[in-house]
Protein backbone atom coordinates (compact mmCIF):
# COMPACT_ATOMS: atom_id res chain seq x y z
CA MET A 1 62.90 -102.99 31.98
CA ASN A 2 63.84 -104.42 35.30
CA LEU A 3 62.08 -107.79 35.31
CA THR A 4 62.97 -108.43 39.02
CA ALA A 5 60.79 -105.53 40.17
CA LEU A 6 57.57 -106.62 38.40
CA PRO A 7 54.68 -108.46 39.98
CA VAL A 8 53.65 -111.94 38.93
CA SER A 9 50.60 -110.73 36.96
CA THR A 10 52.73 -108.32 34.91
CA LEU A 11 55.37 -110.98 34.22
CA ARG A 12 52.64 -113.42 33.04
CA GLU A 13 51.05 -110.84 30.85
CA GLY A 14 54.40 -110.06 29.28
CA LEU A 15 54.81 -113.74 28.45
CA ARG A 16 51.32 -113.77 26.90
CA GLN A 17 52.17 -110.85 24.68
CA ARG A 18 55.68 -112.23 23.87
CA ARG A 19 57.36 -109.11 25.30
CA TRP A 20 59.88 -111.39 26.97
CA CYS A 21 60.44 -115.07 27.45
CA VAL A 22 60.83 -117.14 30.61
CA ARG A 23 64.60 -117.46 30.06
CA GLU A 24 64.93 -113.68 30.20
CA ILE A 25 63.02 -113.56 33.54
CA VAL A 26 65.22 -116.33 34.94
CA ASP A 27 68.45 -114.69 33.78
CA ALA A 28 67.38 -111.40 35.37
CA GLN A 29 66.62 -113.19 38.73
CA LEU A 30 69.83 -115.11 38.74
CA ALA A 31 71.86 -111.96 38.06
CA GLU A 32 70.11 -110.18 40.96
CA ILE A 33 70.69 -113.17 43.19
CA ALA A 34 74.39 -113.23 42.29
CA ARG A 35 74.59 -109.44 43.17
CA VAL A 36 72.60 -109.44 46.45
CA GLU A 37 72.81 -112.86 48.00
CA PRO A 38 76.37 -112.58 49.40
CA SER A 39 75.16 -109.70 51.55
CA VAL A 40 71.70 -110.94 52.54
CA LYS A 41 72.35 -114.71 52.81
CA ALA A 42 68.78 -115.77 52.24
CA PHE A 43 69.36 -119.11 50.56
CA LEU A 44 70.62 -122.44 51.90
CA HIS A 45 70.46 -124.09 48.43
CA LEU A 46 70.28 -122.65 44.91
CA ALA A 47 69.28 -124.65 41.85
CA GLU A 48 70.64 -122.54 38.98
CA ALA A 49 71.06 -125.35 36.45
CA SER A 50 67.65 -126.88 37.04
CA LEU A 51 66.06 -123.50 36.96
CA ARG A 52 67.48 -122.69 33.53
CA ASP A 53 66.33 -126.16 32.29
CA ALA A 54 62.82 -125.57 33.61
CA ALA A 55 62.78 -122.10 32.02
CA GLY A 56 63.64 -123.67 28.60
CA ALA A 57 60.95 -126.31 28.98
CA LEU A 58 58.32 -123.74 29.94
CA ASP A 59 59.25 -121.51 27.00
CA ALA A 60 58.74 -124.45 24.69
CA ARG A 61 55.41 -125.18 26.34
CA LEU A 62 54.21 -121.66 25.95
CA GLU A 63 54.68 -121.83 22.22
CA ARG A 64 51.44 -123.94 22.11
CA PRO A 65 48.28 -121.74 21.65
CA HIS A 66 46.51 -120.87 24.90
CA ALA A 67 49.01 -122.85 27.07
CA ILE A 68 49.53 -119.93 29.38
CA ASP A 69 45.76 -119.92 30.26
CA ALA A 70 46.36 -123.05 32.37
CA LEU A 71 49.36 -121.54 34.15
CA PRO A 72 48.40 -118.82 36.59
CA LEU A 73 51.97 -118.53 37.95
CA ALA A 74 53.75 -118.80 34.58
CA GLY A 75 57.25 -117.33 34.71
CA ALA A 76 57.15 -116.71 38.53
CA VAL A 77 60.49 -117.54 40.13
CA VAL A 78 59.75 -118.95 43.61
CA ALA A 79 61.93 -119.34 46.60
CA VAL A 80 60.84 -122.05 49.00
CA LYS A 81 61.52 -122.35 52.77
CA ASP A 82 63.79 -125.27 53.54
CA ALA A 83 61.09 -127.00 55.58
CA PHE A 84 59.33 -128.20 52.40
CA CYS A 85 60.33 -131.57 50.99
CA THR A 86 61.79 -131.35 47.53
CA ARG A 87 63.29 -134.20 45.46
CA ALA A 88 65.54 -131.91 43.44
CA MET A 89 67.17 -130.16 46.39
CA PRO A 90 68.17 -131.04 49.94
CA THR A 91 65.72 -130.40 52.76
CA THR A 92 67.61 -129.54 55.95
CA CYS A 93 65.06 -127.46 57.98
CA GLY A 94 68.09 -125.27 58.85
CA SER A 95 69.43 -128.10 60.97
CA LYS A 96 72.57 -130.20 61.19
CA MET A 97 70.29 -133.10 61.93
CA LEU A 98 69.12 -133.23 58.26
CA GLU A 99 72.28 -131.91 56.59
CA GLY A 100 72.37 -133.25 53.04
CA TYR A 101 69.07 -135.01 53.35
CA ARG A 102 67.01 -135.40 50.10
CA ALA A 103 63.39 -136.32 50.33
CA PRO A 104 61.98 -139.02 48.05
CA TYR A 105 58.98 -136.80 47.10
CA ASP A 106 57.81 -133.20 46.70
CA ALA A 107 55.54 -131.42 49.12
CA THR A 108 51.99 -130.85 47.82
CA ALA A 109 52.55 -127.11 47.85
CA VAL A 110 55.71 -127.59 45.71
CA GLU A 111 53.87 -129.81 43.30
CA ARG A 112 51.13 -127.30 42.92
CA LEU A 113 53.49 -124.37 42.45
CA GLU A 114 55.18 -126.15 39.57
CA ALA A 115 51.90 -127.28 38.04
CA ALA A 116 50.84 -123.61 37.99
CA GLY A 117 53.95 -122.63 35.99
CA ALA A 118 56.16 -121.45 38.79
CA LEU A 119 59.91 -122.11 38.75
CA LEU A 120 61.82 -123.03 41.92
CA VAL A 121 65.04 -121.09 42.37
CA GLY A 122 66.13 -122.50 45.67
CA LYS A 123 65.48 -123.30 49.34
CA THR A 124 65.72 -120.48 51.85
CA ASN A 125 67.26 -120.21 55.25
CA MET A 126 65.23 -120.57 58.43
CA ASP A 127 65.30 -120.98 62.17
CA GLU A 128 66.05 -124.61 62.83
CA PHE A 129 62.84 -126.67 62.50
CA ALA A 130 60.91 -123.37 62.36
CA MET A 131 61.71 -122.57 65.99
CA GLY A 132 62.66 -118.97 66.29
CA SER A 133 61.76 -115.38 65.34
CA SER A 134 64.96 -114.04 63.84
CA THR A 135 66.50 -116.72 61.56
CA GLU A 136 69.56 -116.59 63.82
CA HIS A 137 68.76 -120.15 65.05
CA SER A 138 69.69 -121.59 61.67
CA ALA A 139 72.52 -124.14 62.13
CA TYR A 140 74.29 -122.59 59.15
CA PHE A 141 74.25 -118.82 59.24
CA ALA A 142 72.02 -115.82 59.99
CA THR A 143 70.09 -114.13 57.26
CA ARG A 144 70.23 -110.37 57.27
CA ASN A 145 67.46 -107.78 56.74
CA PRO A 146 67.77 -106.08 53.27
CA TYR A 147 66.72 -102.75 54.75
CA ASP A 148 69.56 -102.90 57.26
CA LEU A 149 72.13 -105.63 57.10
CA THR A 150 72.85 -105.32 60.83
CA ARG A 151 69.31 -106.35 61.69
CA THR A 152 67.22 -109.52 61.60
CA PRO A 153 64.70 -110.22 58.88
CA GLY A 154 62.52 -111.94 61.53
CA GLY A 155 61.78 -115.66 61.53
CA SER A 156 61.37 -118.47 61.28
CA SER A 157 60.77 -117.85 57.50
CA GLY A 158 63.27 -115.04 57.40
CA GLY A 159 65.15 -116.36 54.41
CA SER A 160 61.97 -116.32 52.25
CA ALA A 161 61.00 -112.88 53.48
CA ALA A 162 64.44 -111.47 52.78
CA ALA A 163 64.48 -113.07 49.27
CA VAL A 164 61.34 -111.27 48.30
CA ALA A 165 62.30 -107.99 49.96
CA ALA A 166 65.68 -108.00 48.21
CA ARG A 167 64.05 -108.65 44.76
CA MET A 168 65.72 -112.13 44.51
CA ALA A 169 62.20 -113.66 43.88
CA PRO A 170 58.82 -112.06 43.35
CA VAL A 171 57.15 -114.60 45.65
CA ALA A 172 58.30 -117.14 48.17
CA LEU A 173 56.79 -119.88 50.29
CA GLY A 174 57.06 -120.05 54.11
CA SER A 175 55.33 -121.68 56.96
CA ASP A 176 53.46 -119.91 59.75
CA THR A 177 53.07 -121.70 63.09
CA GLY A 178 52.82 -118.71 65.45
CA GLY A 179 53.71 -115.84 63.18
CA SER A 180 56.62 -117.14 61.17
CA VAL A 181 55.44 -115.52 57.89
CA ARG A 182 53.62 -112.50 59.12
CA GLN A 183 56.35 -111.26 61.51
CA PRO A 184 59.25 -111.49 58.96
CA ALA A 185 56.96 -109.91 56.35
CA ALA A 186 56.44 -106.93 58.60
CA LEU A 187 60.16 -106.64 59.41
CA THR A 188 61.23 -106.74 55.74
CA GLY A 189 58.46 -104.64 54.21
CA VAL A 190 56.61 -107.33 52.15
CA VAL A 191 53.16 -108.94 52.18
CA GLY A 192 52.80 -112.16 54.19
CA PHE A 193 49.50 -114.07 54.13
CA LYS A 194 48.59 -116.84 56.59
CA PRO A 195 45.45 -118.64 55.35
CA GLY A 196 43.21 -120.33 57.92
CA TYR A 197 44.38 -123.66 59.28
CA GLY A 198 43.96 -126.48 56.77
CA ARG A 199 43.30 -124.29 53.72
CA ILE A 200 46.59 -125.40 52.09
CA SER A 201 47.87 -128.97 52.42
CA ARG A 202 50.66 -129.52 54.85
CA TYR A 203 51.76 -132.80 53.17
CA GLY A 204 55.54 -132.62 52.72
CA LEU A 205 55.97 -129.74 55.21
CA VAL A 206 58.23 -131.03 57.94
CA ALA A 207 56.09 -130.70 61.04
CA PHE A 208 56.81 -128.37 63.96
CA ALA A 209 53.43 -128.12 65.65
CA SER A 210 50.76 -130.05 63.67
CA SER A 211 47.66 -128.25 64.99
CA LEU A 212 49.21 -124.84 64.19
CA ASP A 213 51.42 -125.15 61.08
CA VAL A 214 50.09 -123.36 57.98
CA VAL A 215 51.70 -123.06 54.44
CA ALA A 216 51.83 -119.37 53.73
CA PRO A 217 53.13 -117.19 50.87
CA PHE A 218 55.18 -113.98 50.68
CA ALA A 219 55.01 -111.42 47.87
CA ARG A 220 55.31 -107.72 47.30
CA THR A 221 51.59 -107.22 46.55
CA VAL A 222 48.32 -108.59 47.86
CA ASP A 223 47.38 -109.64 44.37
CA ASP A 224 50.45 -111.79 44.14
CA VAL A 225 49.84 -113.62 47.45
CA HIS A 226 46.30 -114.14 46.28
CA SER A 227 47.51 -115.72 43.07
CA VAL A 228 49.76 -118.12 44.95
CA TYR A 229 47.10 -118.93 47.51
CA ILE A 230 44.53 -119.88 44.80
CA ALA A 231 47.18 -122.14 43.10
CA LEU A 232 47.97 -123.91 46.35
CA ALA A 233 44.66 -124.07 48.26
CA GLY A 234 42.18 -126.94 48.24
CA ARG A 235 41.69 -130.43 49.61
CA ASP A 236 44.42 -133.03 49.38
CA GLY A 237 43.76 -136.70 50.19
CA ARG A 238 47.30 -137.00 51.61
CA ASP A 239 46.55 -134.45 54.33
CA PRO A 240 43.60 -135.37 56.61
CA THR A 241 43.62 -131.88 58.17
CA ALA A 242 43.03 -130.16 54.75
CA VAL A 243 39.71 -128.26 54.76
CA GLU A 244 37.06 -129.51 52.35
CA ALA A 245 35.47 -126.08 51.85
CA PRO A 246 35.67 -124.75 48.29
CA VAL A 247 38.21 -122.05 47.41
CA GLU A 248 36.83 -119.07 45.51
CA GLY A 249 38.89 -118.18 42.49
CA GLY A 250 38.72 -115.36 40.00
CA ALA A 251 40.48 -112.00 39.85
CA LEU A 252 40.93 -110.18 43.17
CA VAL A 253 38.92 -106.94 43.36
CA ALA A 254 39.54 -104.55 46.21
CA ALA A 255 36.59 -104.25 48.65
CA PRO A 256 34.89 -100.90 49.10
CA LEU A 257 35.93 -99.51 52.50
CA ARG A 258 32.76 -97.44 52.90
CA GLY A 259 30.62 -99.07 55.57
CA LEU A 260 33.28 -101.64 56.48
CA ARG A 261 33.47 -102.36 60.20
CA VAL A 262 37.12 -102.39 61.37
CA GLY A 263 37.68 -103.76 64.85
CA VAL A 264 40.71 -102.55 66.88
CA PRO A 265 41.46 -104.80 69.87
CA ARG A 266 42.95 -102.60 72.54
CA GLU A 267 44.97 -105.44 74.02
CA TYR A 268 47.27 -105.38 70.92
CA LEU A 269 48.28 -101.75 71.45
CA GLY A 270 49.50 -101.85 75.06
CA PRO A 271 53.00 -101.74 76.57
CA GLY A 272 55.73 -103.12 74.38
CA VAL A 273 54.45 -101.66 71.16
CA GLU A 274 57.03 -99.19 69.86
CA ALA A 275 55.76 -95.64 69.24
CA ALA A 276 56.61 -95.78 65.49
CA VAL A 277 54.54 -99.01 65.21
CA GLY A 278 51.59 -97.53 67.10
CA ASP A 279 51.77 -94.33 65.04
CA ALA A 280 51.71 -96.32 61.74
CA VAL A 281 48.67 -98.34 62.89
CA ALA A 282 46.91 -95.10 63.90
CA ALA A 283 47.72 -93.49 60.56
CA SER A 284 46.39 -96.50 58.68
CA LEU A 285 43.15 -96.47 60.71
CA ALA A 286 42.78 -92.78 59.93
CA LEU A 287 43.06 -93.50 56.25
CA MET A 288 40.45 -96.26 56.51
CA ARG A 289 38.13 -93.97 58.43
CA ALA A 290 38.57 -91.27 55.79
CA ALA A 291 37.67 -93.82 53.12
CA GLY A 292 34.37 -94.50 54.94
CA ALA A 293 35.22 -97.32 57.28
CA GLU A 294 33.71 -97.45 60.74
CA VAL A 295 36.54 -98.03 63.36
CA ILE A 296 35.27 -99.93 66.45
CA ASP A 297 37.22 -100.19 69.65
CA LEU A 298 36.83 -103.58 71.25
CA SER A 299 38.33 -105.95 73.79
CA MET A 300 39.57 -109.43 73.38
CA PRO A 301 40.21 -110.25 77.00
CA HIS A 302 42.10 -113.47 76.61
CA THR A 303 44.76 -112.13 74.28
CA ALA A 304 47.29 -112.10 77.12
CA LEU A 305 46.97 -115.90 77.44
CA ALA A 306 48.25 -116.43 73.84
CA GLY A 307 51.91 -116.35 74.70
CA PRO A 308 51.80 -118.84 77.62
CA CYS A 309 49.34 -121.02 75.75
CA TYR A 310 51.40 -121.20 72.59
CA TYR A 311 54.65 -121.95 74.41
CA VAL A 312 53.00 -124.89 76.10
CA LEU A 313 51.16 -126.35 73.08
CA ALA A 314 53.76 -125.77 70.34
CA PRO A 315 56.64 -127.30 72.28
CA ALA A 316 54.44 -130.25 73.30
CA GLU A 317 53.63 -131.03 69.66
CA ALA A 318 57.24 -130.42 68.71
CA SER A 319 58.55 -132.85 71.25
CA SER A 320 56.39 -135.49 69.66
CA ASN A 321 57.10 -134.63 66.04
CA LEU A 322 60.88 -134.41 66.54
CA ALA A 323 60.99 -137.86 68.22
CA ARG A 324 61.41 -139.28 64.73
CA PHE A 325 64.91 -137.85 64.42
CA ASP A 326 66.71 -140.57 66.26
CA GLY A 327 69.62 -141.46 63.96
CA VAL A 328 67.99 -144.71 62.81
CA ARG A 329 65.97 -144.08 59.69
CA TYR A 330 67.38 -140.91 58.12
CA GLY A 331 69.49 -137.80 59.01
CA LEU A 332 72.49 -137.54 61.23
CA ARG A 333 73.71 -140.66 63.24
CA ALA A 334 76.32 -140.09 65.95
CA PRO A 335 78.60 -143.08 66.77
CA ALA A 336 77.81 -144.82 69.99
CA ARG A 337 78.33 -148.22 71.59
CA GLU A 338 74.61 -148.96 72.34
CA LEU A 339 71.23 -147.81 71.13
CA LEU A 340 70.20 -145.43 73.83
CA GLY A 341 73.63 -143.78 73.71
CA MET A 342 73.28 -143.34 69.95
CA TYR A 343 69.88 -141.67 70.41
CA GLY A 344 71.33 -139.23 72.94
CA ALA A 345 74.51 -138.49 70.97
CA THR A 346 72.61 -138.04 67.77
CA ARG A 347 70.19 -135.51 69.24
CA ASP A 348 72.88 -133.71 71.12
CA ALA A 349 74.94 -133.22 68.01
CA GLY A 350 72.09 -132.71 65.57
CA PHE A 351 69.83 -130.24 67.43
CA GLY A 352 70.57 -126.67 68.35
CA ASP A 353 69.94 -124.94 71.68
CA GLU A 354 66.53 -123.56 70.82
CA VAL A 355 65.22 -126.88 69.51
CA LYS A 356 66.55 -128.69 72.62
CA ARG A 357 64.91 -126.04 74.81
CA ARG A 358 61.46 -126.51 73.22
CA ILE A 359 61.79 -130.32 73.27
CA LEU A 360 62.49 -130.22 76.97
CA ILE A 361 59.55 -127.86 77.61
CA GLY A 362 57.26 -130.01 75.50
CA THR A 363 58.36 -133.24 77.17
CA PHE A 364 57.90 -131.63 80.62
CA VAL A 365 54.37 -130.41 79.99
CA LEU A 366 53.28 -133.80 78.65
CA SER A 367 54.76 -135.82 81.48
CA ALA A 368 52.83 -137.59 84.08
CA GLY A 369 51.71 -135.32 86.97
CA TYR A 370 52.04 -132.22 84.76
CA VAL A 371 49.93 -132.78 81.65
CA ASP A 372 46.68 -131.56 83.32
CA ALA A 373 48.35 -128.60 84.94
CA TYR A 374 50.00 -127.37 81.77
CA TYR A 375 48.91 -128.99 78.56
CA ALA A 376 45.14 -129.34 79.40
CA GLN A 377 45.04 -125.86 80.80
CA ALA A 378 46.60 -124.48 77.58
CA GLN A 379 44.00 -126.22 75.52
CA ARG A 380 41.27 -124.58 77.66
CA ALA A 381 43.00 -121.20 77.13
CA ARG A 382 43.13 -121.87 73.39
CA ALA A 383 39.38 -122.31 73.32
CA LEU A 384 38.86 -119.00 75.18
CA ILE A 385 41.11 -117.24 72.67
CA ALA A 386 39.09 -118.66 69.78
CA ASP A 387 35.87 -117.59 71.41
CA ASP A 388 37.22 -114.04 71.57
CA PHE A 389 37.57 -114.00 67.77
CA VAL A 390 33.98 -115.34 67.34
CA ARG A 391 32.57 -112.55 69.48
CA ALA A 392 34.74 -109.90 67.80
CA PHE A 393 33.61 -110.93 64.36
CA ALA A 394 30.01 -110.60 65.44
CA ARG A 395 30.74 -106.91 65.70
CA CYS A 396 33.12 -106.25 62.84
CA ASP A 397 34.26 -107.47 59.47
CA VAL A 398 38.02 -107.34 60.01
CA LEU A 399 40.44 -106.86 62.85
CA VAL A 400 43.37 -104.49 62.63
CA THR A 401 46.49 -104.79 64.81
CA PRO A 402 50.23 -104.33 64.60
CA THR A 403 51.96 -107.35 63.08
CA SER A 404 55.01 -106.99 65.29
CA PRO A 405 55.26 -104.78 68.34
CA THR A 406 58.67 -103.51 67.09
CA THR A 407 60.52 -102.96 63.89
CA ALA A 408 63.54 -105.13 63.00
CA PHE A 409 65.90 -105.58 66.00
CA ALA A 410 69.65 -105.94 65.79
CA LEU A 411 71.23 -109.27 65.05
CA GLY A 412 72.31 -110.81 68.40
CA ALA A 413 70.20 -108.45 70.52
CA ARG A 414 67.85 -111.26 71.63
CA HIS A 415 69.69 -114.39 70.56
CA HIS A 416 70.47 -115.42 74.12
CA ASP A 417 67.30 -114.16 75.66
CA PRO A 418 64.48 -116.59 74.81
CA VAL A 419 61.77 -114.63 76.55
CA ALA A 420 62.55 -111.45 74.68
CA MET A 421 62.67 -113.37 71.42
CA TYR A 422 59.33 -114.98 72.12
CA GLN A 423 57.75 -111.54 72.55
CA ALA A 424 58.31 -110.76 68.84
CA ASP A 425 55.29 -112.91 68.03
CA LEU A 426 52.84 -111.66 70.62
CA CYS A 427 50.62 -109.95 68.04
CA THR A 428 50.54 -112.91 65.65
CA LEU A 429 49.98 -115.80 68.08
CA PRO A 430 46.26 -115.43 68.80
CA ALA A 431 45.19 -115.79 65.09
CA SER A 432 47.39 -118.91 64.92
CA LEU A 433 45.78 -120.42 67.96
CA ALA A 434 42.30 -119.66 66.67
CA GLY A 435 43.07 -120.98 63.19
CA VAL A 436 41.83 -117.87 61.43
CA PRO A 437 43.35 -116.16 58.35
CA ALA A 438 45.63 -113.12 58.79
CA ILE A 439 47.80 -110.98 56.56
CA SER A 440 50.62 -108.45 57.17
CA LEU A 441 50.95 -105.37 54.98
CA PRO A 442 53.83 -102.90 54.80
CA VAL A 443 52.43 -99.45 55.80
CA GLY A 444 55.56 -97.35 56.04
CA LEU A 445 58.99 -96.86 57.54
CA ASP A 446 60.05 -95.77 61.02
CA GLY A 447 62.59 -93.03 61.67
CA ALA A 448 65.45 -95.35 61.02
CA GLY A 449 64.12 -96.39 57.66
CA LEU A 450 62.85 -99.78 58.88
CA PRO A 451 59.52 -101.20 57.64
CA VAL A 452 56.38 -101.28 59.77
CA GLY A 453 53.76 -103.99 59.22
CA LEU A 454 49.98 -103.79 59.71
CA GLN A 455 48.06 -107.07 60.50
CA LEU A 456 44.55 -107.66 59.17
CA ILE A 457 42.68 -110.69 60.63
CA GLY A 458 39.52 -112.28 59.19
CA PRO A 459 37.06 -114.85 60.35
CA ARG A 460 37.39 -118.63 59.76
CA LEU A 461 37.08 -119.48 56.10
CA GLY A 462 37.07 -115.78 55.22
CA GLU A 463 40.29 -115.77 53.12
CA ARG A 464 38.69 -114.23 50.03
CA ARG A 465 37.01 -111.36 51.87
CA LEU A 466 40.17 -110.70 53.91
CA LEU A 467 42.26 -110.41 50.76
CA GLU A 468 39.77 -108.07 49.14
CA ILE A 469 39.94 -105.82 52.25
CA ALA A 470 43.81 -106.09 52.29
CA ALA A 471 43.91 -104.95 48.60
CA ALA A 472 41.82 -101.90 49.50
CA VAL A 473 43.99 -101.03 52.58
CA GLU A 474 47.15 -101.60 50.46
CA SER A 475 45.86 -99.01 47.94
CA LEU A 476 45.69 -96.37 50.68
CA HIS A 477 49.48 -96.56 51.26
CA ARG A 478 52.50 -95.70 49.15
CA GLN A 479 54.61 -98.65 47.99
CA LEU A 480 57.81 -98.87 50.12
CA PRO A 481 61.02 -97.95 48.36
CA PRO A 482 63.19 -101.01 47.68
CA PRO A 483 66.14 -101.64 50.01
CA THR A 484 69.46 -100.15 48.85
CA LEU A 485 71.81 -103.04 48.38
């Protein structure tokens, strides 16, 4: 049996019944990584020795009666985006600025993964400081899409998405600021779930835009992302933005589609959406309608403001958050004769072009004389976008849109065209600005054999209901064939 192709629930049940042990799962995953990773290049750091040690310790723990009952992710080998602080491995954020840096603590999400029985295999590649949509803005190398090695896996969490798609890990952790989990999930044919803002603690996640950043899992099934979400969600006294609302646990049961009100915002299906993507969305809606769902055409008139709004607010927050990287306390320090010169030389050497671009934009929109014209206006636009969602959910239970307007584009095709790169996230930005949960599901392949993603969006604090609906929609589609590597 190929243990690298099994969902987390099946792996855990096999451990319960002693059909295999954790070491066998780990050996299978490491063998697959050794075979596939040289082509895909999903990982910045691998922790083979510590993974084997953790597997041995978990096997010993599982010898005790009922020990597995307290470990919902027992035996799951997890890849973690290199924006999460880890004591055992470097945390570089895909940047030369933090090359070789080791955090003195683990992120809350990492702690909770390990407490649930998961085993960390390594840290995945990413666009530098999570700024990008293709993982080409990593300071180290570009990750490749397992379905076509000449194409991008998306970004900024492209390494985590590629690791799951290539069967190098059954689940992975990413961060989603404007679509950085959902967009790469769509491009690589996996499930990517962005909970609502504050549902999972951000403590230990290196900040990009603090009012937008969300910890988010990848997996190959909705049930697996649900399992990871339940293990991670909940309040954390170390993160004042963590939501206090309770998290509903228990097994995930697909929601009945009969009578479900499915809203389709027409603004998401306009110019720029490839024909294959539009056709896949239409086919999915037809399946939902045949299963008894009511499909409702609606308008969310402020959707067009999402791009300009995001690319004012996110750079503004980034310019503030990245001010800490000055060569004084940690990370790179460039030689210089005086303090201001050292600041400038360090940031020039440590940051890549995309990070510098966003810092400059953010600094400009926060500067005297421009803050009201840009930043304050963007905050007003954000409120209008959030109000669109409130009105939409008064009429429907879930929104359905494309996740990405296109399938995976060629490596290098947009690398030097920032505006074209930013357009990759146009369908995911509104949910991020509104702070509502959203999930991307693989719903087919285009004519070139590239995955197409469908986005489902739910109301604030509606994660459980959204996942139940996603499980039902998932059941209407055939599972994608694995990439040939």
